[in-house]
Protein backbone atom coordinates (compact mmCIF):
# COMPACT_ATOMS: atom_id res chain seq x y z
CA MET A 1 0.08 0.10 0.07
CA ASP A 2 1.24 3.48 -0.97
CA ARG A 3 2.24 5.74 2.04
CA SER A 4 3.14 9.54 2.00
CA TYR A 5 6.45 10.61 3.17
CA LYS A 6 4.53 13.09 5.10
CA THR A 7 3.43 10.23 7.66
CA ILE A 8 5.87 8.63 10.14
CA HIS A 9 4.89 4.94 11.19
CA LYS A 10 3.21 4.85 14.54
CA GLU A 11 5.50 2.01 15.51
CA PHE A 12 8.85 3.68 14.38
CA LYS A 13 11.32 3.92 17.27
CA PHE A 14 14.79 5.80 17.29
CA GLN A 15 17.09 4.76 19.84
CA GLY A 16 14.37 2.95 21.92
CA SER A 17 11.77 5.74 21.81
CA HIS A 18 8.59 6.58 19.87
CA PHE A 19 8.38 10.37 18.34
CA SER A 20 5.78 12.24 16.73
CA PRO A 21 7.13 14.37 13.83
CA SER A 22 7.18 17.55 15.86
CA GLU A 23 9.09 15.49 18.63
CA LEU A 24 11.50 13.78 16.05
CA ASN A 25 11.95 17.46 14.54
CA ASP A 26 13.48 18.46 18.35
CA VAL A 27 15.68 15.25 18.11
CA ALA A 28 17.06 16.37 14.87
CA TYR A 29 17.92 19.67 16.20
CA SER A 30 19.28 18.54 19.32
CA LEU A 31 21.55 16.25 17.37
CA ILE A 32 22.65 19.14 14.97
CA LYS A 33 23.44 21.26 18.06
CA GLU A 34 24.88 19.00 20.65
CA GLY A 35 26.05 15.90 18.61
CA ASP A 36 29.11 14.51 17.34
CA GLU A 37 30.11 14.68 13.50
CA GLU A 38 27.98 11.52 12.58
CA GLU A 39 24.92 12.56 14.74
CA ARG A 40 24.84 15.96 13.05
CA LYS A 41 24.74 14.21 9.69
CA ILE A 42 21.64 12.25 11.01
CA GLY A 43 20.06 15.38 12.22
CA ASP A 44 20.54 17.25 9.03
CA PHE A 45 18.88 14.56 7.21
CA LEU A 46 16.08 14.37 9.55
CA MET A 47 15.35 18.08 9.40
CA ASP A 48 15.61 17.81 5.67
CA TRP A 49 12.98 14.89 5.54
CA LEU A 50 10.71 16.67 8.08
CA SER A 51 10.74 19.92 6.01
CA PRO A 52 7.83 20.82 3.87
CA HIS A 53 9.77 20.14 0.77
CA ASP A 54 8.86 17.35 -1.63
CA SER A 55 12.62 16.72 -2.39
CA LEU A 56 15.88 16.77 -1.05
CA ILE A 57 19.42 17.07 -2.18
CA VAL A 58 21.79 14.23 -1.67
CA ARG A 59 25.61 13.76 -2.86
CA THR A 60 26.81 10.98 -4.91
CA SER A 61 29.96 8.88 -3.52
CA GLY A 62 31.95 9.60 -6.73
CA SER A 63 33.38 6.17 -6.71
CA THR A 64 32.54 5.64 -10.38
CA GLY A 65 32.71 9.36 -11.53
CA THR A 66 32.85 12.94 -10.18
CA PRO A 67 30.94 13.47 -6.91
CA LYS A 68 27.61 15.54 -7.89
CA ASN A 69 24.61 16.98 -5.77
CA ILE A 70 21.35 15.29 -7.19
CA THR A 71 17.73 15.82 -6.22
CA LEU A 72 15.54 12.97 -5.06
CA SER A 73 11.87 12.79 -4.61
CA LYS A 74 10.75 11.88 -0.96
CA GLN A 75 7.90 10.02 -2.08
CA ALA A 76 10.57 7.68 -4.25
CA MET A 77 12.44 7.36 -1.39
CA VAL A 78 9.14 5.88 0.62
CA ASN A 79 8.70 3.76 -2.51
CA SER A 80 11.97 2.41 -2.26
CA ALA A 81 11.74 1.43 1.46
CA LEU A 82 8.31 -0.16 0.57
CA ALA A 83 9.84 -2.37 -2.00
CA THR A 84 12.57 -3.21 0.22
CA GLY A 85 9.97 -4.11 2.88
CA ALA A 86 8.01 -6.23 0.62
CA PHE A 87 10.92 -8.20 -0.86
CA PHE A 88 12.26 -9.15 2.50
CA GLY A 89 8.90 -9.33 4.50
CA LEU A 90 9.94 -6.87 7.05
CA LYS A 91 7.14 -5.98 9.44
CA GLU A 92 6.42 -3.17 11.97
CA LYS A 93 8.31 -3.48 15.19
CA ASP A 94 11.26 -5.30 13.50
CA THR A 95 14.60 -4.16 14.83
CA ALA A 96 17.35 -2.48 12.69
CA LEU A 97 20.95 -1.23 13.11
CA LEU A 98 22.25 1.87 11.71
CA CYS A 99 25.93 1.66 11.48
CA LEU A 100 26.93 3.41 8.32
CA SER A 101 27.68 7.15 7.92
CA ALA A 102 24.47 9.38 7.16
CA SER A 103 26.49 11.13 4.36
CA HIS A 104 25.60 8.16 2.10
CA ILE A 105 22.42 7.07 0.65
CA ALA A 106 22.65 3.69 2.46
CA ALA A 107 22.47 5.10 5.81
CA LYS A 108 19.78 7.67 4.63
CA MET A 109 17.63 4.98 3.40
CA MET A 110 17.93 2.94 6.63
CA LEU A 111 16.29 6.01 8.31
CA VAL A 112 13.52 6.05 5.94
CA ARG A 113 12.67 2.52 6.12
CA ALA A 114 12.66 2.63 9.53
CA MET A 115 10.04 5.69 9.52
CA VAL A 116 8.04 4.00 6.65
CA LEU A 117 7.93 0.48 8.00
CA GLY A 118 7.67 1.17 11.63
CA LEU A 119 11.09 -0.21 12.56
CA SER A 120 12.78 0.24 15.63
CA LEU A 121 16.10 1.62 14.72
CA ASP A 122 19.22 2.06 16.92
CA HIS A 123 22.45 3.91 15.80
CA ILE A 124 25.88 3.53 16.45
CA ALA A 125 29.00 5.24 15.21
CA PRO A 126 30.34 3.88 12.10
CA SER A 127 33.47 1.84 12.72
CA SER A 128 35.00 -1.10 10.81
CA THR A 129 33.90 -3.46 13.68
CA PRO A 130 30.46 -2.18 14.30
CA LEU A 131 29.29 -5.43 15.99
CA SER A 132 32.13 -5.49 18.60
CA GLY A 133 30.74 -5.28 22.21
CA LEU A 134 27.18 -5.08 21.03
CA LEU A 135 24.74 -6.93 23.01
CA ASN A 136 21.60 -6.52 21.20
CA SER A 137 20.56 -8.60 17.99
CA TYR A 138 18.91 -7.20 15.14
CA ASP A 139 16.48 -8.07 12.34
CA LEU A 140 18.02 -5.75 9.48
CA CYS A 141 21.44 -4.17 9.07
CA SER A 142 23.38 -2.59 6.26
CA MET A 143 27.17 -2.54 5.96
CA VAL A 144 30.00 -2.40 3.59
CA PRO A 145 32.08 -5.49 2.73
CA LEU A 146 34.82 -4.57 5.10
CA GLN A 147 32.57 -4.28 8.01
CA LEU A 148 31.13 -7.73 7.27
CA GLU A 149 34.74 -9.00 7.02
CA LYS A 150 35.66 -7.73 10.46
CA SER A 151 32.03 -8.75 12.01
CA LEU A 152 32.12 -12.52 11.10
CA ASN A 153 32.64 -13.50 14.66
CA ASN A 154 29.42 -11.66 15.92
CA ILE A 155 27.48 -11.67 12.52
CA SER A 156 24.90 -13.97 14.21
CA LYS A 157 23.50 -10.77 15.88
CA ILE A 158 22.03 -10.03 12.55
CA LYS A 159 19.17 -11.81 11.07
CA LEU A 160 19.23 -10.04 7.48
CA LEU A 161 22.19 -7.97 6.54
CA LEU A 162 22.40 -6.19 2.93
CA VAL A 163 26.01 -5.36 1.78
CA GLY A 164 27.11 -2.60 -0.74
CA GLY A 165 29.00 0.35 -1.29
CA ALA A 166 31.84 -1.77 -2.77
CA PRO A 167 32.18 -5.47 -4.65
CA VAL A 168 32.15 -8.16 -2.28
CA SER A 169 35.47 -10.58 -2.75
CA GLU A 170 35.34 -14.02 -3.64
CA GLU A 171 37.10 -14.71 -0.18
CA LEU A 172 34.40 -12.91 1.63
CA ARG A 173 31.97 -14.83 -0.25
CA THR A 174 33.58 -18.17 0.62
CA LYS A 175 33.61 -16.98 4.53
CA VAL A 176 29.91 -16.32 4.72
CA GLN A 177 28.49 -19.59 3.33
CA ASN A 178 28.13 -21.63 6.60
CA ILE A 179 26.52 -18.99 8.70
CA SER A 180 22.83 -18.38 9.58
CA THR A 181 22.69 -14.92 8.98
CA GLN A 182 20.76 -14.22 5.55
CA ILE A 183 23.38 -11.80 3.64
CA TYR A 184 22.32 -10.22 0.32
CA GLU A 185 24.73 -8.03 -1.97
CA THR A 186 22.73 -4.82 -3.19
CA TYR A 187 23.04 -3.25 -6.58
CA GLY A 188 22.05 0.29 -6.87
CA MET A 189 23.06 3.83 -6.77
CA THR A 190 22.12 7.39 -5.21
CA GLU A 191 20.12 8.20 -8.07
CA THR A 192 17.98 5.23 -7.60
CA CYS A 193 17.53 5.63 -3.64
CA SER A 194 20.08 3.05 -3.08
CA HIS A 195 19.43 -0.45 -3.99
CA ILE A 196 17.29 -1.70 -7.09
CA ALA A 197 18.20 -5.33 -7.04
CA VAL A 198 19.97 -7.85 -4.58
CA ARG A 199 21.57 -11.31 -4.80
CA PRO A 200 21.98 -13.77 -1.80
CA LEU A 201 25.64 -14.55 -0.84
CA ASN A 202 25.34 -17.49 1.31
CA LEU A 203 22.86 -20.01 -0.42
CA PRO A 204 20.92 -21.99 0.17
CA PHE A 205 18.98 -20.53 3.21
CA THR A 206 16.41 -23.35 2.58
CA LYS A 207 16.16 -26.40 0.40
CA GLU A 208 13.48 -24.69 -1.46
CA ASP A 209 15.46 -21.72 -2.36
CA LYS A 210 16.49 -22.31 -5.94
CA ARG A 211 18.02 -18.79 -6.99
CA THR A 212 21.68 -18.85 -7.80
CA SER A 213 24.10 -16.27 -6.35
CA ALA A 214 25.26 -15.07 -9.64
CA SER A 215 22.13 -13.30 -10.50
CA PHE A 216 20.58 -10.17 -9.06
CA GLN A 217 16.83 -10.11 -8.30
CA THR A 218 15.07 -6.58 -9.00
CA LEU A 219 12.82 -5.37 -6.00
CA PRO A 220 8.85 -5.22 -6.85
CA LYS A 221 7.84 -2.98 -9.71
CA ILE A 222 11.37 -2.44 -11.14
CA THR A 223 12.53 -4.26 -14.58
CA VAL A 224 15.63 -3.90 -16.37
CA SER A 225 16.81 -4.34 -20.09
CA GLN A 226 20.09 -3.63 -22.03
CA ASP A 227 21.23 -0.89 -24.18
CA SER A 228 23.21 -1.36 -27.27
CA ARG A 229 26.64 -1.65 -25.38
CA ASN A 230 24.90 -4.43 -23.17
CA CYS A 231 24.83 -2.11 -20.34
CA LEU A 232 22.25 -2.51 -17.82
CA GLN A 233 19.07 0.31 -18.06
CA ILE A 234 16.81 0.25 -15.03
CA HIS A 235 12.93 0.93 -15.51
CA ALA A 236 11.36 2.06 -12.07
CA PRO A 237 8.64 4.56 -12.30
CA ALA A 238 7.66 4.11 -8.50
CA LEU A 239 10.95 5.71 -8.06
CA GLY A 240 10.52 8.44 -10.60
CA ILE A 241 12.65 6.67 -13.19
CA ASP A 242 11.24 5.65 -16.48
CA SER A 243 14.54 4.59 -17.78
CA ILE A 244 18.00 5.30 -16.68
CA SER A 245 21.24 3.85 -18.47
CA THR A 246 24.14 2.54 -16.48
CA ASN A 247 27.95 1.77 -17.51
CA ASP A 248 27.45 -1.68 -15.89
CA VAL A 249 27.75 -4.39 -18.59
CA VAL A 250 25.43 -7.29 -17.53
CA ASN A 251 24.18 -10.53 -18.77
CA LEU A 252 20.49 -10.22 -18.92
CA VAL A 253 18.61 -13.30 -17.52
CA SER A 254 14.90 -11.77 -17.54
CA GLU A 255 13.29 -8.40 -17.14
CA THR A 256 13.81 -8.74 -13.23
CA GLU A 257 17.02 -10.76 -13.08
CA PHE A 258 20.40 -10.04 -14.31
CA GLU A 259 24.26 -10.92 -13.96
CA TRP A 260 26.85 -8.43 -13.47
CA VAL A 261 29.75 -8.48 -15.85
CA GLY A 262 32.00 -5.32 -15.17
CA ARG A 263 32.11 -1.59 -15.88
CA TRP A 264 32.03 -0.31 -19.44
CA ASP A 265 34.19 2.61 -18.44
CA ASN A 266 36.97 -0.07 -17.26
CA VAL A 267 36.93 -1.87 -20.28
CA VAL A 268 40.54 -2.53 -21.78
CA ASN A 269 40.49 -2.68 -25.80
CA SER A 270 43.71 -4.67 -26.66
CA GLY A 271 44.21 -5.35 -30.02
CA GLY A 272 40.35 -5.20 -30.82
CA VAL A 273 39.53 -7.48 -27.90
CA LYS A 274 37.37 -6.17 -25.21
CA LEU A 275 38.58 -7.19 -21.92
CA PHE A 276 36.47 -6.70 -18.61
CA PRO A 277 38.92 -6.13 -15.65
CA GLU A 278 36.62 -7.54 -13.12
CA GLN A 279 36.20 -10.81 -14.74
CA ILE A 280 39.87 -11.17 -15.21
CA GLU A 281 40.44 -10.43 -11.58
CA LYS A 282 38.14 -13.06 -10.59
CA LYS A 283 40.30 -15.65 -12.46
CA LEU A 284 43.48 -14.05 -10.98
CA ARG A 285 42.32 -14.08 -7.60
CA PRO A 286 43.78 -17.45 -6.60
CA VAL A 287 47.26 -16.60 -6.83
CA ILE A 288 47.23 -13.27 -5.69
CA LYS A 289 47.08 -12.36 -2.03
CA GLY A 290 45.66 -8.71 -0.91
CA SER A 291 44.52 -6.27 -3.17
CA PHE A 292 45.10 -5.85 -6.75
CA MET A 293 43.54 -4.56 -10.11
CA VAL A 294 43.99 -4.75 -13.93
CA THR A 295 43.81 -2.00 -16.07
CA GLY A 296 44.88 -0.67 -19.59
CA MET A 297 47.92 1.24 -20.54
CA PRO A 298 49.04 2.75 -24.03
CA ASP A 299 50.72 0.48 -26.34
CA LYS A 300 51.92 1.14 -29.91
CA GLU A 301 50.76 -2.34 -31.21
CA LEU A 302 47.75 -3.23 -29.21
CA GLY A 303 46.17 0.21 -28.53
CA GLU A 304 46.02 -0.85 -25.01
CA LYS A 305 47.95 -3.48 -23.16
CA LEU A 306 46.58 -5.24 -19.99
CA VAL A 307 48.76 -4.69 -16.89
CA LEU A 308 48.50 -5.70 -13.42
CA ILE A 309 48.69 -3.47 -10.39
CA VAL A 310 49.36 -4.97 -6.91
CA GLU A 311 49.27 -3.17 -3.49
CA GLY A 312 52.36 -3.92 -1.60
CA LYS A 313 55.62 -5.81 -2.52
CA VAL A 314 55.39 -9.10 -4.50
CA ASN A 315 57.48 -11.36 -6.08
CA LYS A 316 57.06 -10.81 -9.66
CA SER A 317 58.90 -13.81 -11.21
CA SER A 318 56.62 -16.21 -8.84
CA LEU A 319 53.82 -14.37 -9.37
CA ARG A 320 53.93 -14.41 -13.15
CA ALA A 321 54.54 -18.44 -12.91
CA GLY A 322 51.29 -18.52 -11.01
CA ILE A 323 49.44 -16.47 -13.45
CA GLU A 324 50.84 -18.55 -16.41
CA GLY A 325 49.58 -21.69 -14.48
CA LEU A 326 46.12 -20.61 -14.43
CA GLU A 327 44.07 -22.78 -16.99
CA THR A 328 41.11 -20.46 -16.67
CA LEU A 329 43.16 -17.52 -18.06
CA LYS A 330 42.86 -17.00 -21.70
CA LYS A 331 46.20 -16.00 -23.57
CA TYR A 332 45.12 -12.23 -24.04
CA GLU A 333 43.90 -12.03 -20.49
CA ASN A 334 47.66 -12.41 -19.31
CA PRO A 335 48.95 -9.10 -17.79
CA LYS A 336 51.87 -7.72 -19.95
CA GLU A 337 53.22 -5.85 -17.10
CA ILE A 338 53.14 -6.08 -13.34
CA TYR A 339 53.45 -2.98 -11.19
CA GLU A 340 53.74 -2.55 -7.40
CA PHE A 341 51.80 0.43 -5.57
CA GLU A 342 52.53 1.05 -1.89
CA ASN A 343 48.93 2.00 -1.08
CA PHE A 344 45.44 2.08 -3.48
CA SER A 345 43.30 5.15 -3.39
CA ARG A 346 40.00 4.02 -1.83
CA SER A 347 36.34 5.50 -1.22
CA ASP A 348 35.54 5.77 2.24
CA THR A 349 33.33 2.51 1.81
CA GLY A 350 36.60 0.80 0.76
CA LYS A 351 35.94 0.59 -3.09
CA LEU A 352 38.95 0.71 -5.02
CA LEU A 353 39.19 4.37 -6.97
CA ARG A 354 40.40 2.97 -10.32
CA ASN A 355 40.53 5.91 -12.17
CA GLU A 356 42.62 7.55 -9.66
CA ILE A 357 45.16 4.52 -9.33
CA LYS A 358 45.28 4.43 -13.08
CA ALA A 359 46.11 8.13 -13.42
CA GLU A 360 48.90 7.59 -10.64
CA LEU A 361 50.29 4.76 -12.95
CA LEU A 362 50.20 6.84 -15.89
CA ALA A 363 52.07 9.59 -14.27
CA TYR A 364 54.57 7.07 -12.80
CA SER A 365 55.01 5.72 -16.40
CA ALA A 366 55.29 8.97 -18.17
């Protein structure tokens, strides 16, 4: 059932207490005036949400481009919250934990879901170990992969976990297979009010669950298609989006299901062959410890040559031997050069800033 953003669910709780809109406005004001940096961000968002304006301005993360301010309809954010609630069967009085920075859309939407669905939301300061020392258990939580990685010993305190903000590594995917928490990787962006599709990371939850972890499933009333580049197009009228094109190359399973291949803007065109770094990195993972990425560098003969960049020191001859021994790696997927970086540039959610890293390499090689 549709709900107006002007209505706060009667069962909504924040830090254990019920609030009317006017009382919540006072809480927001208090957070802004007396809170720490993260509490001020929550207060700012709540003040914006409770204002008479039908929309608000949010800032994109900049992890795949230049950060920018965009306008989101409050009703679209409500509809996104309802879609998440319907997909996962969330109900009023369910408990939720906010452990992300309110500067990002994921945290903002946790607040919206709580207000719209009638959840009891607790907030703790963002950290890499949010569950450490936590006594309560929760029905719902959102984290970035780094937080999940460092919370595995305590993850049973969460019933349903949504993970986004950066790609989930194969190592982390393997580590979560035998735990009871239902963990879903999310796909979305600021423009779509956070996630529009999810895929389970630790299947099966039940013997009847036949979905594969390779595919993202869209939320209710959201469909997808492909453009001429095979990039994902999202159709979400309830979010105010008739059609939005992305730079994510996908394999389309159906109008509600897709497999993510890689970013179009990361593609390396080497001798006329299009190489997707994300797919090659998956093949390289068994022989490389730590963080790394592949990218393209200018080459007179090939146009671009594929190179490997590793964070930290590595034995290049040993690594080269390991790469050449990979049966899954095609000849043209074998990096032509190996470079070492002391530290990679990352977003505050832990995502590699590929463009910045590549720019550093180009400057170093010039």
